[in-house]
Amino acid sequence: MLIEECIVQNSPDAIIAADTSGKIILWNPGAKQLFGFSAAEAVNQSLDIITPDKRRTGIGRRPDKTPFSRNCANLRRRRRDGVFSPKRFIRRDET
């Protein structure tokens, strides 16, 4: 296992990555703890599984219009049990 993989898999923080279409490509154990979905349930799904209904036109739909300020965003996310929680997300541009 690479050091980066080890850090992601052992971090107590939720670490999620999605492609430009909004499909989840990485979901660590911290994300399972926070949102309630296992990696098997979340990977290859849309970010919609954690996005409140009224916010579903942002991330993954129109990347040029996402509410990011510099490389961080404060967004509300929905856990599996339906509870909403404000979270800070950090965007990393791979281009």
PDB file of N, CA and C in Angstrom:
ATOM      1  N   MET A   1       0.849  -1.171   0.000  1.00  0.00           N
ATOM      2  CA  MET A   1       0.000   0.000   0.000  1.00  0.00           C
ATOM      3  C   MET A   1       0.899   1.240   0.000  1.00  0.00           C
ATOM      4  N   LEU A   2       0.590   2.194  -0.868  1.00  0.00           N
ATOM      5  CA  LEU A   2       1.315   3.447  -0.909  1.00  0.00           C
ATOM      6  C   LEU A   2       1.016   4.281   0.328  1.00  0.00           C
ATOM      7  N   ILE A   3       1.921   5.171   0.670  1.00  0.00           N
ATOM      8  CA  ILE A   3       1.736   6.011   1.851  1.00  0.00           C
ATOM      9  C   ILE A   3       0.453   6.838   1.744  1.00  0.00           C
ATOM     10  N   GLU A   4       0.144   7.337   0.533  1.00  0.00           N
ATOM     11  CA  GLU A   4      -1.070   8.130   0.347  1.00  0.00           C
ATOM     12  C   GLU A   4      -2.321   7.292   0.632  1.00  0.00           C
ATOM     13  N   GLU A   5      -2.324   6.064   0.159  1.00  0.00           N
ATOM     14  CA  GLU A   5      -3.458   5.174   0.410  1.00  0.00           C
ATOM     15  C   GLU A   5      -3.596   4.884   1.894  1.00  0.00           C
ATOM     16  N   CYS A   6      -2.465   4.687   2.553  1.00  0.00           N
ATOM     17  CA  CYS A   6      -2.469   4.408   3.982  1.00  0.00           C
ATOM     18  C   CYS A   6      -3.045   5.591   4.758  1.00  0.00           C
ATOM     19  N   ILE A   7      -2.649   6.800   4.385  1.00  0.00           N
ATOM     20  CA  ILE A   7      -3.162   8.001   5.052  1.00  0.00           C
ATOM     21  C   ILE A   7      -4.667   8.118   4.851  1.00  0.00           C
ATOM     22  N   VAL A   8      -5.124   7.959   3.628  1.00  0.00           N
ATOM     23  CA  VAL A   8      -6.562   8.082   3.327  1.00  0.00           C
ATOM     24  C   VAL A   8      -7.359   7.029   4.077  1.00  0.00           C
ATOM     25  N   GLN A   9      -6.920   5.794   4.048  1.00  0.00           N
ATOM     26  CA  GLN A   9      -7.674   4.707   4.662  1.00  0.00           C
ATOM     27  C   GLN A   9      -7.657   4.745   6.187  1.00  0.00           C
ATOM     28  N   ASN A  10      -6.663   5.393   6.771  1.00  0.00           N
ATOM     29  CA  ASN A  10      -6.558   5.433   8.227  1.00  0.00           C
ATOM     30  C   ASN A  10      -6.906   6.782   8.843  1.00  0.00           C
ATOM     31  N   SER A  11      -7.293   7.716   8.014  1.00  0.00           N
ATOM     32  CA  SER A  11      -7.661   9.036   8.525  1.00  0.00           C
ATOM     33  C   SER A  11      -9.007   8.961   9.242  1.00  0.00           C
ATOM     34  N   PRO A  12      -9.131   9.626  10.393  1.00  0.00           N
ATOM     35  CA  PRO A  12     -10.432   9.676  11.061  1.00  0.00           C
ATOM     36  C   PRO A  12     -11.387  10.635  10.352  1.00  0.00           C
ATOM     37  N   ASP A  13     -10.853  11.475   9.455  1.00  0.00           N
ATOM     38  CA  ASP A  13     -11.684  12.411   8.705  1.00  0.00           C
ATOM     39  C   ASP A  13     -12.298  11.728   7.491  1.00  0.00           C
ATOM     40  N   ALA A  14     -13.464  12.214   7.105  1.00  0.00           N
ATOM     41  CA  ALA A  14     -14.099  11.720   5.885  1.00  0.00           C
ATOM     42  C   ALA A  14     -13.332  12.265   4.690  1.00  0.00           C
ATOM     43  N   ILE A  15     -12.894  11.371   3.818  1.00  0.00           N
ATOM     44  CA  ILE A  15     -12.217  11.766   2.587  1.00  0.00           C
ATOM     45  C   ILE A  15     -12.983  11.146   1.432  1.00  0.00           C
ATOM     46  N   ILE A  16     -13.494  12.028   0.576  1.00  0.00           N
ATOM     47  CA  ILE A  16     -14.313  11.609  -0.561  1.00  0.00           C
ATOM     48  C   ILE A  16     -13.746  12.278  -1.800  1.00  0.00           C
ATOM     49  N   ALA A  17     -13.688  11.538  -2.893  1.00  0.00           N
ATOM     50  CA  ALA A  17     -13.295  12.122  -4.174  1.00  0.00           C
ATOM     51  C   ALA A  17     -14.358  11.755  -5.195  1.00  0.00           C
ATOM     52  N   ALA A  18     -14.612  12.691  -6.096  1.00  0.00           N
ATOM     53  CA  ALA A  18     -15.582  12.458  -7.164  1.00  0.00           C
ATOM     54  C   ALA A  18     -14.991  12.954  -8.470  1.00  0.00           C
ATOM     55  N   ASP A  19     -15.434  12.353  -9.555  1.00  0.00           N
ATOM     56  CA  ASP A  19     -14.984  12.821 -10.865  1.00  0.00           C
ATOM     57  C   ASP A  19     -15.800  14.052 -11.267  1.00  0.00           C
ATOM     58  N   THR A  20     -15.525  14.591 -12.430  1.00  0.00           N
ATOM     59  CA  THR A  20     -16.193  15.826 -12.854  1.00  0.00           C
ATOM     60  C   THR A  20     -17.684  15.652 -13.114  1.00  0.00           C
ATOM     61  N   SER A  21     -18.147  14.429 -13.248  1.00  0.00           N
ATOM     62  CA  SER A  21     -19.581  14.207 -13.431  1.00  0.00           C
ATOM     63  C   SER A  21     -20.305  14.043 -12.097  1.00  0.00           C
ATOM     64  N   GLY A  22     -19.559  14.041 -10.997  1.00  0.00           N
ATOM     65  CA  GLY A  22     -20.166  13.895  -9.685  1.00  0.00           C
ATOM     66  C   GLY A  22     -20.261  12.464  -9.203  1.00  0.00           C
ATOM     67  N   LYS A  23     -19.585  11.536  -9.895  1.00  0.00           N
ATOM     68  CA  LYS A  23     -19.582  10.136  -9.477  1.00  0.00           C
ATOM     69  C   LYS A  23     -18.488   9.926  -8.440  1.00  0.00           C
ATOM     70  N   ILE A  24     -18.839   9.320  -7.325  1.00  0.00           N
ATOM     71  CA  ILE A  24     -17.887   9.072  -6.246  1.00  0.00           C
ATOM     72  C   ILE A  24     -16.872   8.019  -6.686  1.00  0.00           C
ATOM     73  N   ILE A  25     -15.595   8.361  -6.536  1.00  0.00           N
ATOM     74  CA  ILE A  25     -14.533   7.431  -6.929  1.00  0.00           C
ATOM     75  C   ILE A  25     -13.668   7.010  -5.745  1.00  0.00           C
ATOM     76  N   LEU A  26     -13.817   7.701  -4.610  1.00  0.00           N
ATOM     77  CA  LEU A  26     -13.066   7.329  -3.411  1.00  0.00           C
ATOM     78  C   LEU A  26     -13.922   7.644  -2.196  1.00  0.00           C
ATOM     79  N   TRP A  27     -13.947   6.710  -1.258  1.00  0.00           N
ATOM     80  CA  TRP A  27     -14.767   6.830  -0.039  1.00  0.00           C
ATOM     81  C   TRP A  27     -14.023   6.099   1.060  1.00  0.00           C
ATOM     82  N   ASN A  28     -13.517   6.817   2.044  1.00  0.00           N
ATOM     83  CA  ASN A  28     -12.716   6.164   3.076  1.00  0.00           C
ATOM     84  C   ASN A  28     -13.570   5.792   4.300  1.00  0.00           C
ATOM     85  N   PRO A  29     -12.994   5.058   5.263  1.00  0.00           N
ATOM     86  CA  PRO A  29     -13.749   4.666   6.460  1.00  0.00           C
ATOM     87  C   PRO A  29     -14.289   5.866   7.252  1.00  0.00           C
ATOM     88  N   GLY A  30     -13.573   7.006   7.222  1.00  0.00           N
ATOM     89  CA  GLY A  30     -14.090   8.198   7.887  1.00  0.00           C
ATOM     90  C   GLY A  30     -15.384   8.680   7.258  1.00  0.00           C
ATOM     91  N   ALA A  31     -15.502   8.538   5.941  1.00  0.00           N
ATOM     92  CA  ALA A  31     -16.746   8.910   5.246  1.00  0.00           C
ATOM     93  C   ALA A  31     -17.871   7.964   5.652  1.00  0.00           C
ATOM     94  N   LYS A  32     -17.553   6.689   5.820  1.00  0.00           N
ATOM     95  CA  LYS A  32     -18.570   5.735   6.282  1.00  0.00           C
ATOM     96  C   LYS A  32     -19.061   6.125   7.672  1.00  0.00           C
ATOM     97  N   GLN A  33     -18.132   6.483   8.536  1.00  0.00           N
ATOM     98  CA  GLN A  33     -18.486   6.876   9.896  1.00  0.00           C
ATOM     99  C   GLN A  33     -19.380   8.123   9.893  1.00  0.00           C
ATOM    100  N   LEU A  34     -19.055   9.087   9.042  1.00  0.00           N
ATOM    101  CA  LEU A  34     -19.797  10.338   9.005  1.00  0.00           C
ATOM    102  C   LEU A  34     -21.152  10.209   8.319  1.00  0.00           C
ATOM    103  N   PHE A  35     -21.180   9.546   7.164  1.00  0.00           N
ATOM    104  CA  PHE A  35     -22.392   9.514   6.353  1.00  0.00           C
ATOM    105  C   PHE A  35     -23.205   8.234   6.465  1.00  0.00           C
ATOM    106  N   GLY A  36     -22.591   7.142   6.938  1.00  0.00           N
ATOM    107  CA  GLY A  36     -23.336   5.908   7.142  1.00  0.00           C
ATOM    108  C   GLY A  36     -23.358   4.951   5.967  1.00  0.00           C
ATOM    109  N   PHE A  37     -22.762   5.333   4.853  1.00  0.00           N
ATOM    110  CA  PHE A  37     -22.695   4.452   3.681  1.00  0.00           C
ATOM    111  C   PHE A  37     -21.323   3.796   3.633  1.00  0.00           C
ATOM    112  N   SER A  38     -21.279   2.498   3.345  1.00  0.00           N
ATOM    113  CA  SER A  38     -19.989   1.829   3.171  1.00  0.00           C
ATOM    114  C   SER A  38     -19.403   2.248   1.826  1.00  0.00           C
ATOM    115  N   ALA A  39     -18.114   1.969   1.640  1.00  0.00           N
ATOM    116  CA  ALA A  39     -17.481   2.267   0.356  1.00  0.00           C
ATOM    117  C   ALA A  39     -18.175   1.501  -0.768  1.00  0.00           C
ATOM    118  N   ALA A  40     -18.554   0.260  -0.508  1.00  0.00           N
ATOM    119  CA  ALA A  40     -19.236  -0.545  -1.522  1.00  0.00           C
ATOM    120  C   ALA A  40     -20.561   0.092  -1.939  1.00  0.00           C
ATOM    121  N   GLU A  41     -21.250   0.747  -0.997  1.00  0.00           N
ATOM    122  CA  GLU A  41     -22.519   1.409  -1.306  1.00  0.00           C
ATOM    123  C   GLU A  41     -22.323   2.758  -2.001  1.00  0.00           C
ATOM    124  N   ALA A  42     -21.219   3.449  -1.704  1.00  0.00           N
ATOM    125  CA  ALA A  42     -21.041   4.816  -2.185  1.00  0.00           C
ATOM    126  C   ALA A  42     -20.261   4.938  -3.491  1.00  0.00           C
ATOM    127  N   VAL A  43     -19.181   4.164  -3.632  1.00  0.00           N
ATOM    128  CA  VAL A  43     -18.348   4.285  -4.827  1.00  0.00           C
ATOM    129  C   VAL A  43     -19.176   3.940  -6.068  1.00  0.00           C
ATOM    130  N   ASN A  44     -19.003   4.739  -7.092  1.00  0.00           N
ATOM    131  CA  ASN A  44     -19.718   4.672  -8.370  1.00  0.00           C
ATOM    132  C   ASN A  44     -21.139   5.230  -8.297  1.00  0.00           C
ATOM    133  N   GLN A  45     -21.514   5.762  -7.143  1.00  0.00           N
ATOM    134  CA  GLN A  45     -22.801   6.446  -7.015  1.00  0.00           C
ATOM    135  C   GLN A  45     -22.585   7.947  -7.198  1.00  0.00           C
ATOM    136  N   SER A  46     -23.664   8.661  -7.419  1.00  0.00           N
ATOM    137  CA  SER A  46     -23.609  10.109  -7.530  1.00  0.00           C
ATOM    138  C   SER A  46     -23.443  10.740  -6.152  1.00  0.00           C
ATOM    139  N   LEU A  47     -22.846  11.913  -6.108  1.00  0.00           N
ATOM    140  CA  LEU A  47     -22.770  12.667  -4.859  1.00  0.00           C
ATOM    141  C   LEU A  47     -24.159  12.996  -4.323  1.00  0.00           C
ATOM    142  N   ASP A  48     -25.174  12.771  -5.124  1.00  0.00           N
ATOM    143  CA  ASP A  48     -26.552  13.003  -4.686  1.00  0.00           C
ATOM    144  C   ASP A  48     -26.907  12.205  -3.439  1.00  0.00           C
ATOM    145  N   ILE A  49     -26.223  11.088  -3.183  1.00  0.00           N
ATOM    146  CA  ILE A  49     -26.571  10.306  -1.997  1.00  0.00           C
ATOM    147  C   ILE A  49     -26.283  11.057  -0.710  1.00  0.00           C
ATOM    148  N   ILE A  50     -25.414  12.089  -0.780  1.00  0.00           N
ATOM    149  CA  ILE A  50     -25.122  12.880   0.417  1.00  0.00           C
ATOM    150  C   ILE A  50     -25.488  14.349   0.243  1.00  0.00           C
ATOM    151  N   THR A  51     -26.140  14.683  -0.849  1.00  0.00           N
ATOM    152  CA  THR A  51     -26.489  16.063  -1.148  1.00  0.00           C
ATOM    153  C   THR A  51     -27.970  16.308  -0.891  1.00  0.00           C
ATOM    154  N   PRO A  52     -28.307  17.334  -0.106  1.00  0.00           N
ATOM    155  CA  PRO A  52     -29.719  17.654   0.103  1.00  0.00           C
ATOM    156  C   PRO A  52     -30.414  17.926  -1.233  1.00  0.00           C
ATOM    157  N   ASP A  53     -31.676  17.571  -1.335  1.00  0.00           N
ATOM    158  CA  ASP A  53     -32.424  17.706  -2.584  1.00  0.00           C
ATOM    159  C   ASP A  53     -32.303  19.088  -3.215  1.00  0.00           C
ATOM    160  N   LYS A  54     -32.447  20.137  -2.431  1.00  0.00           N
ATOM    161  CA  LYS A  54     -32.436  21.481  -2.998  1.00  0.00           C
ATOM    162  C   LYS A  54     -31.054  21.945  -3.453  1.00  0.00           C
ATOM    163  N   ARG A  55     -30.021  21.188  -3.157  1.00  0.00           N
ATOM    164  CA  ARG A  55     -28.656  21.557  -3.553  1.00  0.00           C
ATOM    165  C   ARG A  55     -28.118  20.688  -4.695  1.00  0.00           C
ATOM    166  N   ARG A  56     -28.926  19.859  -5.262  1.00  0.00           N
ATOM    167  CA  ARG A  56     -28.435  18.880  -6.229  1.00  0.00           C
ATOM    168  C   ARG A  56     -28.081  19.439  -7.596  1.00  0.00           C
ATOM    169  N   THR A  57     -28.085  20.721  -7.793  1.00  0.00           N
ATOM    170  CA  THR A  57     -27.673  21.290  -9.076  1.00  0.00           C
ATOM    171  C   THR A  57     -26.243  21.791  -9.045  1.00  0.00           C
ATOM    172  N   GLY A  58     -25.532  21.580  -7.933  1.00  0.00           N
ATOM    173  CA  GLY A  58     -24.170  22.106  -7.786  1.00  0.00           C
ATOM    174  C   GLY A  58     -23.101  21.138  -8.202  1.00  0.00           C
ATOM    175  N   ILE A  59     -22.471  20.512  -7.248  1.00  0.00           N
ATOM    176  CA  ILE A  59     -21.312  19.656  -7.501  1.00  0.00           C
ATOM    177  C   ILE A  59     -21.653  18.543  -8.476  1.00  0.00           C
ATOM    178  N   GLY A  60     -20.790  18.367  -9.448  1.00  0.00           N
ATOM    179  CA  GLY A  60     -20.948  17.293 -10.400  1.00  0.00           C
ATOM    180  C   GLY A  60     -21.853  17.634 -11.555  1.00  0.00           C
ATOM    181  N   ARG A  61     -22.645  18.671 -11.448  1.00  0.00           N
ATOM    182  CA  ARG A  61     -23.546  19.048 -12.518  1.00  0.00           C
ATOM    183  C   ARG A  61     -22.991  20.228 -13.315  1.00  0.00           C
ATOM    184  N   ARG A  62     -22.531  21.249 -12.594  1.00  0.00           N
ATOM    185  CA  ARG A  62     -22.005  22.442 -13.232  1.00  0.00           C
ATOM    186  C   ARG A  62     -20.745  22.857 -12.479  1.00  0.00           C
ATOM    187  N   PRO A  63     -19.622  22.198 -12.758  1.00  0.00           N
ATOM    188  CA  PRO A  63     -18.411  22.466 -11.988  1.00  0.00           C
ATOM    189  C   PRO A  63     -17.999  23.931 -11.981  1.00  0.00           C
ATOM    190  N   ASP A  64     -18.344  24.678 -13.025  1.00  0.00           N
ATOM    191  CA  ASP A  64     -17.982  26.087 -13.067  1.00  0.00           C
ATOM    192  C   ASP A  64     -18.842  26.933 -12.136  1.00  0.00           C
ATOM    193  N   LYS A  65     -19.917  26.381 -11.591  1.00  0.00           N
ATOM    194  CA  LYS A  65     -20.834  27.113 -10.732  1.00  0.00           C
ATOM    195  C   LYS A  65     -20.881  26.583  -9.305  1.00  0.00           C
ATOM    196  N   THR A  66     -19.961  25.718  -8.916  1.00  0.00           N
ATOM    197  CA  THR A  66     -19.979  25.176  -7.557  1.00  0.00           C
ATOM    198  C   THR A  66     -19.608  26.256  -6.555  1.00  0.00           C
ATOM    199  N   PRO A  67     -20.126  26.177  -5.334  1.00  0.00           N
ATOM    200  CA  PRO A  67     -19.915  27.240  -4.350  1.00  0.00           C
ATOM    201  C   PRO A  67     -18.565  27.161  -3.637  1.00  0.00           C
ATOM    202  N   PHE A  68     -17.496  27.103  -4.411  1.00  0.00           N
ATOM    203  CA  PHE A  68     -16.164  27.036  -3.820  1.00  0.00           C
ATOM    204  C   PHE A  68     -15.555  28.424  -3.722  1.00  0.00           C
ATOM    205  N   SER A  69     -14.899  28.700  -2.654  1.00  0.00           N
ATOM    206  CA  SER A  69     -14.147  29.923  -2.471  1.00  0.00           C
ATOM    207  C   SER A  69     -12.702  29.493  -2.305  1.00  0.00           C
ATOM    208  N   ARG A  70     -11.881  29.871  -3.222  1.00  0.00           N
ATOM    209  CA  ARG A  70     -10.518  29.363  -3.318  1.00  0.00           C
ATOM    210  C   ARG A  70     -10.609  27.858  -3.502  1.00  0.00           C
ATOM    211  N   ASN A  71     -10.166  27.068  -2.565  1.00  0.00           N
ATOM    212  CA  ASN A  71     -10.259  25.611  -2.724  1.00  0.00           C
ATOM    213  C   ASN A  71     -11.095  24.956  -1.642  1.00  0.00           C
ATOM    214  N   CYS A  72     -11.903  25.736  -0.933  1.00  0.00           N
ATOM    215  CA  CYS A  72     -12.745  25.184   0.121  1.00  0.00           C
ATOM    216  C   CYS A  72     -14.196  25.570  -0.106  1.00  0.00           C
ATOM    217  N   ALA A  73     -15.078  24.750   0.399  1.00  0.00           N
ATOM    218  CA  ALA A  73     -16.505  25.069   0.334  1.00  0.00           C
ATOM    219  C   ALA A  73     -17.157  24.621   1.625  1.00  0.00           C
ATOM    220  N   ASN A  74     -18.067  25.412   2.101  1.00  0.00           N
ATOM    221  CA  ASN A  74     -18.875  25.027   3.253  1.00  0.00           C
ATOM    222  C   ASN A  74     -20.244  24.629   2.718  1.00  0.00           C
ATOM    223  N   LEU A  75     -20.541  23.359   2.768  1.00  0.00           N
ATOM    224  CA  LEU A  75     -21.763  22.824   2.183  1.00  0.00           C
ATOM    225  C   LEU A  75     -22.499  21.947   3.182  1.00  0.00           C
ATOM    226  N   ARG A  76     -23.815  21.902   3.063  1.00  0.00           N
ATOM    227  CA  ARG A  76     -24.597  20.977   3.884  1.00  0.00           C
ATOM    228  C   ARG A  76     -24.641  19.631   3.180  1.00  0.00           C
ATOM    229  N   ARG A  77     -24.501  18.562   3.937  1.00  0.00           N
ATOM    230  CA  ARG A  77     -24.556  17.216   3.396  1.00  0.00           C
ATOM    231  C   ARG A  77     -25.510  16.387   4.220  1.00  0.00           C
ATOM    232  N   ARG A  78     -26.061  15.352   3.592  1.00  0.00           N
ATOM    233  CA  ARG A  78     -27.058  14.496   4.237  1.00  0.00           C
ATOM    234  C   ARG A  78     -26.448  13.149   4.562  1.00  0.00           C
ATOM    235  N   ARG A  79     -26.628  12.716   5.806  1.00  0.00           N
ATOM    236  CA  ARG A  79     -26.183  11.385   6.204  1.00  0.00           C
ATOM    237  C   ARG A  79     -27.221  10.360   5.775  1.00  0.00           C
ATOM    238  N   ARG A  80     -26.864   9.116   5.861  1.00  0.00           N
ATOM    239  CA  ARG A  80     -27.763   8.025   5.468  1.00  0.00           C
ATOM    240  C   ARG A  80     -29.077   8.065   6.232  1.00  0.00           C
ATOM    241  N   ASP A  81     -29.017   8.472   7.498  1.00  0.00           N
ATOM    242  CA  ASP A  81     -30.231   8.528   8.312  1.00  0.00           C
ATOM    243  C   ASP A  81     -31.078   9.771   8.028  1.00  0.00           C
ATOM    244  N   GLY A  82     -30.651  10.606   7.069  1.00  0.00           N
ATOM    245  CA  GLY A  82     -31.412  11.773   6.669  1.00  0.00           C
ATOM    246  C   GLY A  82     -31.057  13.054   7.402  1.00  0.00           C
ATOM    247  N   VAL A  83     -30.197  12.976   8.409  1.00  0.00           N
ATOM    248  CA  VAL A  83     -29.805  14.155   9.169  1.00  0.00           C
ATOM    249  C   VAL A  83     -28.843  14.997   8.327  1.00  0.00           C
ATOM    250  N   PHE A  84     -29.051  16.309   8.325  1.00  0.00           N
ATOM    251  CA  PHE A  84     -28.184  17.211   7.576  1.00  0.00           C
ATOM    252  C   PHE A  84     -27.096  17.755   8.481  1.00  0.00           C
ATOM    253  N   SER A  85     -25.928  17.961   7.904  1.00  0.00           N
ATOM    254  CA  SER A  85     -24.794  18.416   8.681  1.00  0.00           C
ATOM    255  C   SER A  85     -23.931  19.338   7.825  1.00  0.00           C
ATOM    256  N   PRO A  86     -23.544  20.522   8.341  1.00  0.00           N
ATOM    257  CA  PRO A  86     -22.630  21.378   7.571  1.00  0.00           C
ATOM    258  C   PRO A  86     -21.223  20.796   7.599  1.00  0.00           C
ATOM    259  N   LYS A  87     -20.569  20.783   6.476  1.00  0.00           N
ATOM    260  CA  LYS A  87     -19.207  20.243   6.381  1.00  0.00           C
ATOM    261  C   LYS A  87     -18.368  21.146   5.502  1.00  0.00           C
ATOM    262  N   ARG A  88     -17.071  21.126   5.704  1.00  0.00           N
ATOM    263  CA  ARG A  88     -16.144  21.874   4.868  1.00  0.00           C
ATOM    264  C   ARG A  88     -15.469  20.889   3.921  1.00  0.00           C
ATOM    265  N   PHE A  89     -15.443  21.238   2.660  1.00  0.00           N
ATOM    266  CA  PHE A  89     -14.840  20.398   1.642  1.00  0.00           C
ATOM    267  C   PHE A  89     -13.677  21.136   1.006  1.00  0.00           C
ATOM    268  N   ILE A  90     -12.650  20.395   0.675  1.00  0.00           N
ATOM    269  CA  ILE A  90     -11.486  20.952   0.008  1.00  0.00           C
ATOM    270  C   ILE A  90     -11.430  20.379  -1.395  1.00  0.00           C
ATOM    271  N   ARG A  91     -11.324  21.258  -2.368  1.00  0.00           N
ATOM    272  CA  ARG A  91     -11.277  20.835  -3.759  1.00  0.00           C
ATOM    273  C   ARG A  91      -9.832  20.790  -4.227  1.00  0.00           C
ATOM    274  N   ARG A  92      -9.510  19.723  -4.917  1.00  0.00           N
ATOM    275  CA  ARG A  92      -8.192  19.590  -5.514  1.00  0.00           C
ATOM    276  C   ARG A  92      -8.381  19.374  -6.994  1.00  0.00           C
ATOM    277  N   ASP A  93      -7.878  20.262  -7.785  1.00  0.00           N
ATOM    278  CA  ASP A  93      -8.019  20.182  -9.236  1.00  0.00           C
ATOM    279  C   ASP A  93      -6.897  19.317  -9.786  1.00  0.00           C
ATOM    280  N   GLU A  94      -7.265  18.249 -10.441  1.00  0.00           N
ATOM    281  CA  GLU A  94      -6.275  17.301 -10.977  1.00  0.00           C
ATOM    282  C   GLU A  94      -5.854  17.646 -12.398  1.00  0.00           C
ATOM    283  N   THR A  95      -6.333  18.761 -12.954  1.00  0.00           N
ATOM    284  CA  THR A  95      -5.996  19.089 -14.351  1.00  0.00           C
ATOM    285  C   THR A  95      -4.622  19.685 -14.474  1.00  0.00           C
TER     286      THR A  95
END
